[in-house]
Amino acid sequence: MLVASPALSGSLPRIFFGGDIERTGGRLYTVVFLVLSSLGMTLNTILAYKTLDDLATMQNYTGMYFLWMLGGLLAGFGICTFPMISNVLFWSKIENAGYS
């Protein structure tokens, strides 16, 4: 689950929000998902620096698994931005070409 969590949080919302981009534009979704992704990467970076010294001794990290998984889930939201960015670029090129 720990390794698959970013892929899950990156692919499942893409199904729901990918179709909504044509109606809403996707700008808000892109900003929200990139902020969530940045928070997840920041959380994982803090966890890595906090536990870096203890990894050599292989101590048991009770309760840290949930935080690592939460960071992975949040970081995976960056994957969702691909269809949004490509659709926004596609529609902006059509509008700029005068086909709107």
Protein backbone atom coordinates (compact mmCIF):
# COMPACT_ATOMS: atom_id res chain seq x y z
CA MET A 1 0.00 0.00 0.00
CA LEU A 2 2.82 2.39 0.78
CA VAL A 3 4.35 2.09 -2.69
CA ALA A 4 0.99 2.07 -4.51
CA SER A 5 -0.54 5.04 -2.67
CA PRO A 6 0.85 7.76 -4.99
CA ALA A 7 -0.31 5.87 -8.06
CA LEU A 8 -3.79 5.45 -6.59
CA SER A 9 -4.20 9.08 -5.60
CA GLY A 10 -2.83 10.14 -8.97
CA SER A 11 -5.01 7.99 -11.18
CA LEU A 12 -8.41 7.79 -9.47
CA PRO A 13 -9.16 11.55 -9.27
CA ARG A 14 -7.99 11.92 -12.86
CA ILE A 15 -11.03 9.87 -13.98
CA PHE A 16 -13.52 12.15 -12.26
CA PHE A 17 -11.90 15.52 -12.86
CA GLY A 18 -10.65 14.78 -16.37
CA GLY A 19 -14.15 14.97 -17.79
CA ASP A 20 -15.03 18.08 -15.85
CA ILE A 21 -12.21 20.10 -17.37
CA GLU A 22 -14.18 20.87 -20.52
CA ARG A 23 -16.89 22.58 -18.49
CA THR A 24 -14.85 24.32 -15.78
CA GLY A 25 -11.46 24.82 -17.41
CA GLY A 26 -9.39 22.90 -14.87
CA ARG A 27 -7.38 25.83 -13.56
CA LEU A 28 -8.65 25.49 -9.99
CA TYR A 29 -8.14 21.72 -10.00
CA THR A 30 -4.58 22.13 -11.24
CA VAL A 31 -3.71 24.61 -8.50
CA VAL A 32 -5.34 22.51 -5.75
CA PHE A 33 -3.66 19.29 -6.90
CA LEU A 34 -0.24 20.92 -7.18
CA VAL A 35 -0.59 22.40 -3.68
CA LEU A 36 -1.60 18.99 -2.28
CA SER A 37 1.32 17.39 -4.08
CA SER A 38 3.73 19.96 -2.66
CA LEU A 39 2.40 19.34 0.86
CA GLY A 40 2.89 15.59 0.42
CA MET A 41 6.44 15.98 -0.82
CA THR A 42 7.21 18.36 2.04
CA LEU A 43 5.80 15.89 4.58
CA ASN A 44 7.85 13.05 3.13
CA THR A 45 10.99 15.20 3.14
CA ILE A 46 10.47 16.10 6.80
CA LEU A 47 9.86 12.45 7.68
CA ALA A 48 12.99 11.38 5.80
CA TYR A 49 15.19 13.91 7.59
CA LYS A 50 13.64 13.08 10.95
CA THR A 51 14.18 9.33 10.63
CA LEU A 52 17.42 9.36 8.64
CA ASP A 53 19.71 8.71 11.61
CA ASP A 54 17.53 5.96 13.03
CA LEU A 55 17.41 3.96 9.79
CA ALA A 56 20.90 2.61 10.48
CA THR A 57 19.73 1.03 13.72
CA MET A 58 16.50 -0.30 12.12
CA GLN A 59 14.30 0.76 14.99
CA ASN A 60 10.58 0.12 14.89
CA TYR A 61 8.65 3.18 13.73
CA THR A 62 5.27 2.70 15.31
CA GLY A 63 2.79 5.18 13.89
CA MET A 64 5.09 6.48 11.17
CA TYR A 65 3.64 4.20 8.48
CA PHE A 66 0.42 6.21 8.43
CA LEU A 67 2.33 9.47 7.99
CA TRP A 68 4.44 8.04 5.17
CA MET A 69 1.29 6.78 3.45
CA LEU A 70 -0.44 10.14 3.90
CA GLY A 71 2.57 11.87 2.37
CA GLY A 72 2.54 9.42 -0.53
CA LEU A 73 -1.16 9.94 -1.12
CA LEU A 74 -0.77 13.70 -1.13
CA ALA A 75 2.31 13.59 -3.36
CA GLY A 76 0.44 11.45 -5.87
CA PHE A 77 -2.02 14.22 -6.64
CA GLY A 78 0.65 15.76 -8.85
CA ILE A 79 0.02 12.94 -11.33
CA CYS A 80 -3.55 14.22 -11.78
CA THR A 81 -2.39 17.44 -13.35
CA PHE A 82 -1.29 15.90 -16.65
CA PRO A 83 -4.68 15.62 -18.38
CA MET A 84 -5.71 18.98 -16.99
CA ILE A 85 -2.69 20.77 -18.35
CA SER A 86 -2.94 19.06 -21.74
CA ASN A 87 -6.66 19.86 -22.07
CA VAL A 88 -6.20 23.46 -20.99
CA LEU A 89 -3.38 23.89 -23.52
CA PHE A 90 -5.53 22.29 -26.23
CA TRP A 91 -8.53 24.54 -25.61
CA SER A 92 -6.40 27.67 -25.23
CA LYS A 93 -4.83 27.00 -28.65
CA ILE A 94 -8.30 26.65 -30.21
CA GLU A 95 -9.44 29.94 -28.66
CA ASN A 96 -6.28 31.71 -29.78
CA ALA A 97 -6.73 30.39 -33.32
CA GLY A 98 -10.15 32.03 -33.56
CA TYR A 99 -12.31 28.90 -33.53
CA SER A 100 -14.24 29.80 -30.38
